[in-house]
């Protein structure tokens, strides 16, 4: 007699800005700057464009800052000893592991109680994503891949592509014999769109402009968490209405 495998529903979570109230790869980059891995002239450029974002000079200021930060980190990546990168990642993990958004943490606890498979898929370094996975007792994870050569980082992309996130999720579904029925995904940026498209219930959390526009065009639920209040918005008859506050 063939044993029947019971397929479990799954939920997939972004981390940066979705579970954790900051960007882990930004925090790692800032630690590298403190340790003087970057040229002083490059640090000046980064600080200048960061001020542009902090002062909300234009709508693309955050994306511009993020892009430039990653550009300069990748520029010096081969000068970073793997052990140093691990120590920095551990420091950032310990600093931010409990700085959660309440909505997302409650969602994790509720879904775990319902026997959901839980996955992290993040653009942050896989070394810190694994730390988060172990800490939150998730079933699997994906992060930006680190390649080591002679005890130094040899190549490393600090951002994952949309295609990678979707491909990783497909692999997890197959690997864990998951079912897409009642599946859930939650993310905060346009890099999560392909992942959100793969589930029955996409949840858009504190979205950036591109994800907000896409969510509105597809009538997805939008959740906003500010200070100690959570606002849930649902599309009804082509308009978003306040569905719930917590």
C-alpha atoms as a PDB file:
ATOM      1  CA  UNK A   1       0.000   0.000   0.000  1.00  0.00           C
ATOM      2  CA  UNK A   2       1.402   3.386  -1.012  1.00  0.00           C
ATOM      3  CA  UNK A   3       1.673   5.912   1.769  1.00  0.00           C
ATOM      4  CA  UNK A   4      -0.161   9.133   0.980  1.00  0.00           C
ATOM      5  CA  UNK A   5       1.757  12.343   1.675  1.00  0.00           C
ATOM      6  CA  UNK A   6      -0.422  14.983   3.302  1.00  0.00           C
ATOM      7  CA  UNK A   7       0.325  18.283   1.630  1.00  0.00           C
ATOM      8  CA  UNK A   8       0.547  21.280   3.934  1.00  0.00           C
ATOM      9  CA  UNK A   9      -0.267  24.888   3.017  1.00  0.00           C
ATOM     10  CA  UNK A  10       2.623  27.333   3.022  1.00  0.00           C
ATOM     11  CA  UNK A  11       3.324  30.961   3.772  1.00  0.00           C
ATOM     12  CA  UNK A  12       6.343  32.814   2.416  1.00  0.00           C
ATOM     13  CA  UNK A  13       7.734  35.952   4.029  1.00  0.00           C
ATOM     14  CA  UNK A  14      10.072  38.702   2.968  1.00  0.00           C
ATOM     15  CA  UNK A  15      12.220  39.884   5.888  1.00  0.00           C
ATOM     16  CA  UNK A  16      13.565  43.406   5.368  1.00  0.00           C
ATOM     17  CA  UNK A  17      10.862  45.947   6.067  1.00  0.00           C
ATOM     18  CA  UNK A  18       8.276  43.152   6.300  1.00  0.00           C
ATOM     19  CA  UNK A  19       9.171  41.218   9.450  1.00  0.00           C
ATOM     20  CA  UNK A  20      12.118  43.355  10.594  1.00  0.00           C
ATOM     21  CA  UNK A  21      11.699  47.122  10.905  1.00  0.00           C
ATOM     22  CA  UNK A  22      14.775  47.915   8.813  1.00  0.00           C
ATOM     23  CA  UNK A  23      16.849  46.545   5.935  1.00  0.00           C
ATOM     24  CA  UNK A  24      19.385  43.969   7.125  1.00  0.00           C
ATOM     25  CA  UNK A  25      21.656  44.463   4.117  1.00  0.00           C
ATOM     26  CA  UNK A  26      21.666  48.224   4.764  1.00  0.00           C
ATOM     27  CA  UNK A  27      22.747  47.557   8.327  1.00  0.00           C
ATOM     28  CA  UNK A  28      25.542  45.258   7.115  1.00  0.00           C
ATOM     29  CA  UNK A  29      26.694  47.900   4.629  1.00  0.00           C
ATOM     30  CA  UNK A  30      26.739  50.532   7.368  1.00  0.00           C
ATOM     31  CA  UNK A  31      28.931  48.291   9.521  1.00  0.00           C
ATOM     32  CA  UNK A  32      31.363  47.861   6.616  1.00  0.00           C
ATOM     33  CA  UNK A  33      31.534  51.645   6.300  1.00  0.00           C
ATOM     34  CA  UNK A  34      32.295  51.966  10.031  1.00  0.00           C
ATOM     35  CA  UNK A  35      35.173  49.495   9.605  1.00  0.00           C
ATOM     36  CA  UNK A  36      36.658  51.675   6.825  1.00  0.00           C
ATOM     37  CA  UNK A  37      36.339  49.150   4.006  1.00  0.00           C
ATOM     38  CA  UNK A  38      35.107  51.877   1.652  1.00  0.00           C
ATOM     39  CA  UNK A  39      37.140  54.724   0.210  1.00  0.00           C
ATOM     40  CA  UNK A  40      36.466  58.063   2.003  1.00  0.00           C
ATOM     41  CA  UNK A  41      35.292  59.653  -1.259  1.00  0.00           C
ATOM     42  CA  UNK A  42      32.740  56.862  -1.742  1.00  0.00           C
ATOM     43  CA  UNK A  43      31.502  57.255   1.826  1.00  0.00           C
ATOM     44  CA  UNK A  44      30.918  60.951   1.180  1.00  0.00           C
ATOM     45  CA  UNK A  45      28.852  60.085  -1.914  1.00  0.00           C
ATOM     46  CA  UNK A  46      26.798  57.549   0.028  1.00  0.00           C
ATOM     47  CA  UNK A  47      26.112  60.009   2.866  1.00  0.00           C
ATOM     48  CA  UNK A  48      25.087  62.690   0.385  1.00  0.00           C
ATOM     49  CA  UNK A  49      22.546  60.520  -1.398  1.00  0.00           C
ATOM     50  CA  UNK A  50      21.312  59.170   1.956  1.00  0.00           C
ATOM     51  CA  UNK A  51      20.535  62.757   3.023  1.00  0.00           C
ATOM     52  CA  UNK A  52      18.564  63.170  -0.197  1.00  0.00           C
ATOM     53  CA  UNK A  53      16.407  60.218   0.855  1.00  0.00           C
ATOM     54  CA  UNK A  54      16.104  61.335   4.500  1.00  0.00           C
ATOM     55  CA  UNK A  55      14.925  64.761   3.340  1.00  0.00           C
ATOM     56  CA  UNK A  56      12.454  63.139   0.895  1.00  0.00           C
ATOM     57  CA  UNK A  57      13.776  65.268  -1.974  1.00  0.00           C
ATOM     58  CA  UNK A  58      12.026  63.162  -4.620  1.00  0.00           C
ATOM     59  CA  UNK A  59       9.998  59.955  -4.945  1.00  0.00           C
ATOM     60  CA  UNK A  60      12.941  57.896  -6.175  1.00  0.00           C
ATOM     61  CA  UNK A  61      15.324  59.042  -3.420  1.00  0.00           C
ATOM     62  CA  UNK A  62      15.137  55.805  -1.426  1.00  0.00           C
ATOM     63  CA  UNK A  63      15.659  53.577  -4.465  1.00  0.00           C
ATOM     64  CA  UNK A  64      18.552  55.800  -5.579  1.00  0.00           C
ATOM     65  CA  UNK A  65      20.186  55.557  -2.149  1.00  0.00           C
ATOM     66  CA  UNK A  66      19.720  51.798  -2.009  1.00  0.00           C
ATOM     67  CA  UNK A  67      21.135  51.309  -5.490  1.00  0.00           C
ATOM     68  CA  UNK A  68      24.216  53.434  -4.803  1.00  0.00           C
ATOM     69  CA  UNK A  69      24.839  51.783  -1.443  1.00  0.00           C
ATOM     70  CA  UNK A  70      24.841  48.339  -3.034  1.00  0.00           C
ATOM     71  CA  UNK A  71      27.026  49.561  -5.911  1.00  0.00           C
ATOM     72  CA  UNK A  72      29.776  50.750  -3.571  1.00  0.00           C
ATOM     73  CA  UNK A  73      29.607  47.655  -1.362  1.00  0.00           C
ATOM     74  CA  UNK A  74      29.898  45.336  -4.352  1.00  0.00           C
ATOM     75  CA  UNK A  75      32.813  47.469  -5.542  1.00  0.00           C
ATOM     76  CA  UNK A  76      34.898  46.459  -2.501  1.00  0.00           C
ATOM     77  CA  UNK A  77      33.442  43.015  -1.884  1.00  0.00           C
ATOM     78  CA  UNK A  78      36.703  41.136  -2.617  1.00  0.00           C
ATOM     79  CA  UNK A  79      38.510  43.035   0.143  1.00  0.00           C
ATOM     80  CA  UNK A  80      36.224  41.611   2.846  1.00  0.00           C
ATOM     81  CA  UNK A  81      37.406  38.528   4.772  1.00  0.00           C
ATOM     82  CA  UNK A  82      34.644  35.941   5.073  1.00  0.00           C
ATOM     83  CA  UNK A  83      35.131  35.806   8.839  1.00  0.00           C
ATOM     84  CA  UNK A  84      34.631  39.579   9.096  1.00  0.00           C
ATOM     85  CA  UNK A  85      31.470  39.384   7.026  1.00  0.00           C
ATOM     86  CA  UNK A  86      30.155  36.626   9.275  1.00  0.00           C
ATOM     87  CA  UNK A  87      30.938  38.624  12.431  1.00  0.00           C
ATOM     88  CA  UNK A  88      29.174  41.687  10.989  1.00  0.00           C
ATOM     89  CA  UNK A  89      26.162  39.606   9.978  1.00  0.00           C
ATOM     90  CA  UNK A  90      25.961  38.118  13.474  1.00  0.00           C
ATOM     91  CA  UNK A  91      26.139  41.578  15.031  1.00  0.00           C
ATOM     92  CA  UNK A  92      23.361  42.878  12.775  1.00  0.00           C
ATOM     93  CA  UNK A  93      21.273  39.768  13.467  1.00  0.00           C
ATOM     94  CA  UNK A  94      21.577  40.202  17.225  1.00  0.00           C
ATOM     95  CA  UNK A  95      20.698  43.885  16.923  1.00  0.00           C
ATOM     96  CA  UNK A  96      17.609  43.479  14.748  1.00  0.00           C
ATOM     97  CA  UNK A  97      16.254  39.941  15.297  1.00  0.00           C
ATOM     98  CA  UNK A  98      13.520  41.134  17.680  1.00  0.00           C
ATOM     99  CA  UNK A  99      12.784  44.504  16.085  1.00  0.00           C
ATOM    100  CA  UNK A 100       9.634  43.203  14.451  1.00  0.00           C
ATOM    101  CA  UNK A 101       6.480  44.531  12.932  1.00  0.00           C
ATOM    102  CA  UNK A 102       3.665  43.304  15.152  1.00  0.00           C
ATOM    103  CA  UNK A 103       1.346  42.353  12.279  1.00  0.00           C
ATOM    104  CA  UNK A 104       3.891  40.072  10.650  1.00  0.00           C
ATOM    105  CA  UNK A 105       5.016  38.446  13.889  1.00  0.00           C
ATOM    106  CA  UNK A 106       1.395  37.740  14.861  1.00  0.00           C
ATOM    107  CA  UNK A 107       0.788  36.294  11.391  1.00  0.00           C
ATOM    108  CA  UNK A 108       3.753  33.923  11.780  1.00  0.00           C
ATOM    109  CA  UNK A 109       2.503  32.696  15.140  1.00  0.00           C
ATOM    110  CA  UNK A 110      -1.047  32.212  13.858  1.00  0.00           C
ATOM    111  CA  UNK A 111       0.055  30.285  10.774  1.00  0.00           C
ATOM    112  CA  UNK A 112       2.457  28.105  12.738  1.00  0.00           C
ATOM    113  CA  UNK A 113      -0.443  27.131  15.010  1.00  0.00           C
ATOM    114  CA  UNK A 114      -2.336  26.086  11.859  1.00  0.00           C
ATOM    115  CA  UNK A 115       0.555  23.828  10.765  1.00  0.00           C
ATOM    116  CA  UNK A 116       1.648  25.976   7.818  1.00  0.00           C
ATOM    117  CA  UNK A 117       5.029  25.486   6.225  1.00  0.00           C
ATOM    118  CA  UNK A 118       6.956  28.740   6.707  1.00  0.00           C
ATOM    119  CA  UNK A 119       9.540  30.060   4.250  1.00  0.00           C
ATOM    120  CA  UNK A 120      11.788  33.131   4.225  1.00  0.00           C
ATOM    121  CA  UNK A 121      12.829  34.510   0.829  1.00  0.00           C
ATOM    122  CA  UNK A 122      14.919  37.645   1.085  1.00  0.00           C
ATOM    123  CA  UNK A 123      17.394  39.728  -0.871  1.00  0.00           C
ATOM    124  CA  UNK A 124      19.599  39.931   2.214  1.00  0.00           C
ATOM    125  CA  UNK A 125      22.755  37.786   2.505  1.00  0.00           C
ATOM    126  CA  UNK A 126      21.880  34.125   2.921  1.00  0.00           C
ATOM    127  CA  UNK A 127      24.180  33.918   5.947  1.00  0.00           C
ATOM    128  CA  UNK A 128      21.941  36.280   7.937  1.00  0.00           C
ATOM    129  CA  UNK A 129      18.739  34.874   6.412  1.00  0.00           C
ATOM    130  CA  UNK A 130      19.773  31.459   7.767  1.00  0.00           C
ATOM    131  CA  UNK A 131      20.248  33.006  11.203  1.00  0.00           C
ATOM    132  CA  UNK A 132      16.718  34.406  10.988  1.00  0.00           C
ATOM    133  CA  UNK A 133      15.393  31.043   9.770  1.00  0.00           C
ATOM    134  CA  UNK A 134      16.916  29.177  12.700  1.00  0.00           C
ATOM    135  CA  UNK A 135      15.781  31.807  15.192  1.00  0.00           C
ATOM    136  CA  UNK A 136      12.173  31.831  13.993  1.00  0.00           C
ATOM    137  CA  UNK A 137      12.121  28.082  13.367  1.00  0.00           C
ATOM    138  CA  UNK A 138      11.119  28.359   9.692  1.00  0.00           C
ATOM    139  CA  UNK A 139      11.119  25.384   7.343  1.00  0.00           C
ATOM    140  CA  UNK A 140      13.335  26.782   4.563  1.00  0.00           C
ATOM    141  CA  UNK A 141      14.972  29.951   3.329  1.00  0.00           C
ATOM    142  CA  UNK A 142      16.572  31.701   0.380  1.00  0.00           C
ATOM    143  CA  UNK A 143      18.916  34.670   0.358  1.00  0.00           C
ATOM    144  CA  UNK A 144      21.518  36.329  -1.820  1.00  0.00           C
ATOM    145  CA  UNK A 145      24.352  33.890  -2.399  1.00  0.00           C
ATOM    146  CA  UNK A 146      27.863  34.374  -1.042  1.00  0.00           C
ATOM    147  CA  UNK A 147      30.864  32.916  -2.880  1.00  0.00           C
ATOM    148  CA  UNK A 148      34.128  32.490  -0.977  1.00  0.00           C
ATOM    149  CA  UNK A 149      37.671  32.259  -2.341  1.00  0.00           C
ATOM    150  CA  UNK A 150      40.812  31.975  -0.195  1.00  0.00           C
ATOM    151  CA  UNK A 151      38.889  33.129   2.921  1.00  0.00           C
ATOM    152  CA  UNK A 152      37.637  36.294   1.213  1.00  0.00           C
ATOM    153  CA  UNK A 153      34.376  37.120  -0.488  1.00  0.00           C
ATOM    154  CA  UNK A 154      34.925  36.572  -4.189  1.00  0.00           C
ATOM    155  CA  UNK A 155      31.591  37.563  -5.632  1.00  0.00           C
ATOM    156  CA  UNK A 156      28.369  38.577  -4.042  1.00  0.00           C
ATOM    157  CA  UNK A 157      25.215  40.243  -5.235  1.00  0.00           C
ATOM    158  CA  UNK A 158      23.371  41.958  -2.395  1.00  0.00           C
ATOM    159  CA  UNK A 159      20.095  41.997  -4.296  1.00  0.00           C
ATOM    160  CA  UNK A 160      18.039  39.069  -5.533  1.00  0.00           C
ATOM    161  CA  UNK A 161      16.130  39.274  -8.788  1.00  0.00           C
ATOM    162  CA  UNK A 162      12.375  38.790  -8.986  1.00  0.00           C
ATOM    163  CA  UNK A 163      12.997  35.642 -11.023  1.00  0.00           C
ATOM    164  CA  UNK A 164      15.158  34.165  -8.282  1.00  0.00           C
ATOM    165  CA  UNK A 165      12.480  34.686  -5.643  1.00  0.00           C
ATOM    166  CA  UNK A 166       9.832  32.977  -7.754  1.00  0.00           C
ATOM    167  CA  UNK A 167      12.167  30.120  -8.701  1.00  0.00           C
ATOM    168  CA  UNK A 168      13.144  29.569  -5.070  1.00  0.00           C
ATOM    169  CA  UNK A 169       9.516  29.412  -4.018  1.00  0.00           C
ATOM    170  CA  UNK A 170       8.766  26.812  -6.705  1.00  0.00           C
ATOM    171  CA  UNK A 171      11.659  24.706  -5.399  1.00  0.00           C
ATOM    172  CA  UNK A 172      10.396  24.949  -1.826  1.00  0.00           C
ATOM    173  CA  UNK A 173       6.869  23.951  -2.820  1.00  0.00           C
ATOM    174  CA  UNK A 174       8.209  20.866  -4.572  1.00  0.00           C
ATOM    175  CA  UNK A 175      10.797  20.023  -1.910  1.00  0.00           C
ATOM    176  CA  UNK A 176       8.339  20.210   0.975  1.00  0.00           C
ATOM    177  CA  UNK A 177       5.354  18.726  -0.889  1.00  0.00           C
ATOM    178  CA  UNK A 178       3.388  21.884  -0.167  1.00  0.00           C
ATOM    179  CA  UNK A 179      -0.021  22.739  -1.532  1.00  0.00           C
ATOM    180  CA  UNK A 180      -0.890  26.096  -3.019  1.00  0.00           C
ATOM    181  CA  UNK A 181      -4.369  25.875  -1.509  1.00  0.00           C
ATOM    182  CA  UNK A 182      -4.713  28.575   1.181  1.00  0.00           C
ATOM    183  CA  UNK A 183      -1.140  29.723   0.438  1.00  0.00           C
ATOM    184  CA  UNK A 184       0.004  33.144   1.645  1.00  0.00           C
ATOM    185  CA  UNK A 185       2.819  35.548   0.785  1.00  0.00           C
ATOM    186  CA  UNK A 186       3.697  38.860   2.373  1.00  0.00           C
ATOM    187  CA  UNK A 187       6.132  41.470   1.053  1.00  0.00           C
ATOM    188  CA  UNK A 188       6.776  45.191   0.962  1.00  0.00           C
ATOM    189  CA  UNK A 189       8.445  45.992  -2.372  1.00  0.00           C
ATOM    190  CA  UNK A 190       8.111  45.406  -6.104  1.00  0.00           C
ATOM    191  CA  UNK A 191      10.862  42.761  -5.860  1.00  0.00           C
ATOM    192  CA  UNK A 192       8.226  40.600  -4.112  1.00  0.00           C
ATOM    193  CA  UNK A 193       5.614  40.814  -6.887  1.00  0.00           C
ATOM    194  CA  UNK A 194       6.452  37.528  -8.627  1.00  0.00           C
ATOM    195  CA  UNK A 195       6.365  35.756  -5.275  1.00  0.00           C
ATOM    196  CA  UNK A 196       3.035  37.364  -4.378  1.00  0.00           C
ATOM    197  CA  UNK A 197       1.548  36.303  -7.702  1.00  0.00           C
ATOM    198  CA  UNK A 198       2.162  32.642  -6.871  1.00  0.00           C
ATOM    199  CA  UNK A 199      -0.192  32.396  -3.878  1.00  0.00           C
ATOM    200  CA  UNK A 200      -3.914  32.479  -3.179  1.00  0.00           C
ATOM    201  CA  UNK A 201      -3.608  35.288  -0.645  1.00  0.00           C
ATOM    202  CA  UNK A 202      -1.021  37.990  -1.383  1.00  0.00           C
ATOM    203  CA  UNK A 203      -0.543  40.463   1.463  1.00  0.00           C
ATOM    204  CA  UNK A 204       1.038  43.815   0.669  1.00  0.00           C
ATOM    205  CA  UNK A 205       2.688  45.321   3.720  1.00  0.00           C
ATOM    206  CA  UNK A 206       3.891  48.946   3.990  1.00  0.00           C
ATOM    207  CA  UNK A 207       4.492  48.884   0.207  1.00  0.00           C
ATOM    208  CA  UNK A 208       6.842  50.994  -1.864  1.00  0.00           C
ATOM    209  CA  UNK A 209       5.277  52.987  -4.701  1.00  0.00           C
ATOM    210  CA  UNK A 210       5.710  50.336  -7.409  1.00  0.00           C
ATOM    211  CA  UNK A 211       4.197  47.575  -5.297  1.00  0.00           C
ATOM    212  CA  UNK A 212       1.370  49.862  -4.151  1.00  0.00           C
ATOM    213  CA  UNK A 213       0.429  50.609  -7.751  1.00  0.00           C
ATOM    214  CA  UNK A 214       0.554  46.923  -8.704  1.00  0.00           C
ATOM    215  CA  UNK A 215      -1.495  45.939  -5.649  1.00  0.00           C
ATOM    216  CA  UNK A 216      -4.193  48.507  -6.419  1.00  0.00           C
ATOM    217  CA  UNK A 217      -4.418  47.303 -10.024  1.00  0.00           C
ATOM    218  CA  UNK A 218      -4.924  43.734  -8.753  1.00  0.00           C
ATOM    219  CA  UNK A 219      -7.205  44.488  -5.775  1.00  0.00           C
ATOM    220  CA  UNK A 220      -4.791  42.950  -3.264  1.00  0.00           C
ATOM    221  CA  UNK A 221      -5.169  43.554   0.462  1.00  0.00           C
ATOM    222  CA  UNK A 222      -2.860  46.300   1.742  1.00  0.00           C
ATOM    223  CA  UNK A 223      -1.668  46.457   5.347  1.00  0.00           C
ATOM    224  CA  UNK A 224      -0.121  49.562   6.872  1.00  0.00           C
ATOM    225  CA  UNK A 225       1.546  49.470  10.287  1.00  0.00           C
ATOM    226  CA  UNK A 226       2.429  52.816  11.839  1.00  0.00           C
ATOM    227  CA  UNK A 227       3.558  53.260  15.433  1.00  0.00           C
ATOM    228  CA  UNK A 228       1.257  50.909  17.391  1.00  0.00           C
ATOM    229  CA  UNK A 229      -1.680  50.875  14.944  1.00  0.00           C
ATOM    230  CA  UNK A 230      -2.298  48.411  12.094  1.00  0.00           C
ATOM    231  CA  UNK A 231      -4.586  49.408   9.201  1.00  0.00           C
ATOM    232  CA  UNK A 232      -5.971  46.762   6.848  1.00  0.00           C
ATOM    233  CA  UNK A 233      -7.301  48.045   3.523  1.00  0.00           C
ATOM    234  CA  UNK A 234      -9.438  45.987   1.161  1.00  0.00           C
ATOM    235  CA  UNK A 235     -10.588  46.724  -2.384  1.00  0.00           C
ATOM    236  CA  UNK A 236     -14.379  46.932  -2.662  1.00  0.00           C
ATOM    237  CA  UNK A 237     -16.074  48.029  -5.881  1.00  0.00           C
ATOM    238  CA  UNK A 238     -12.852  49.525  -7.219  1.00  0.00           C
ATOM    239  CA  UNK A 239     -12.042  51.526  -4.083  1.00  0.00           C
ATOM    240  CA  UNK A 240      -9.977  50.766  -1.010  1.00  0.00           C
ATOM    241  CA  UNK A 241     -11.798  50.894   2.307  1.00  0.00           C
ATOM    242  CA  UNK A 242     -10.625  50.481   5.870  1.00  0.00           C
ATOM    243  CA  UNK A 243     -11.388  46.853   6.701  1.00  0.00           C
ATOM    244  CA  UNK A 244      -9.856  46.665  10.135  1.00  0.00           C
ATOM    245  CA  UNK A 245      -7.673  48.462  12.673  1.00  0.00           C
ATOM    246  CA  UNK A 246      -5.720  46.814  15.455  1.00  0.00           C
END
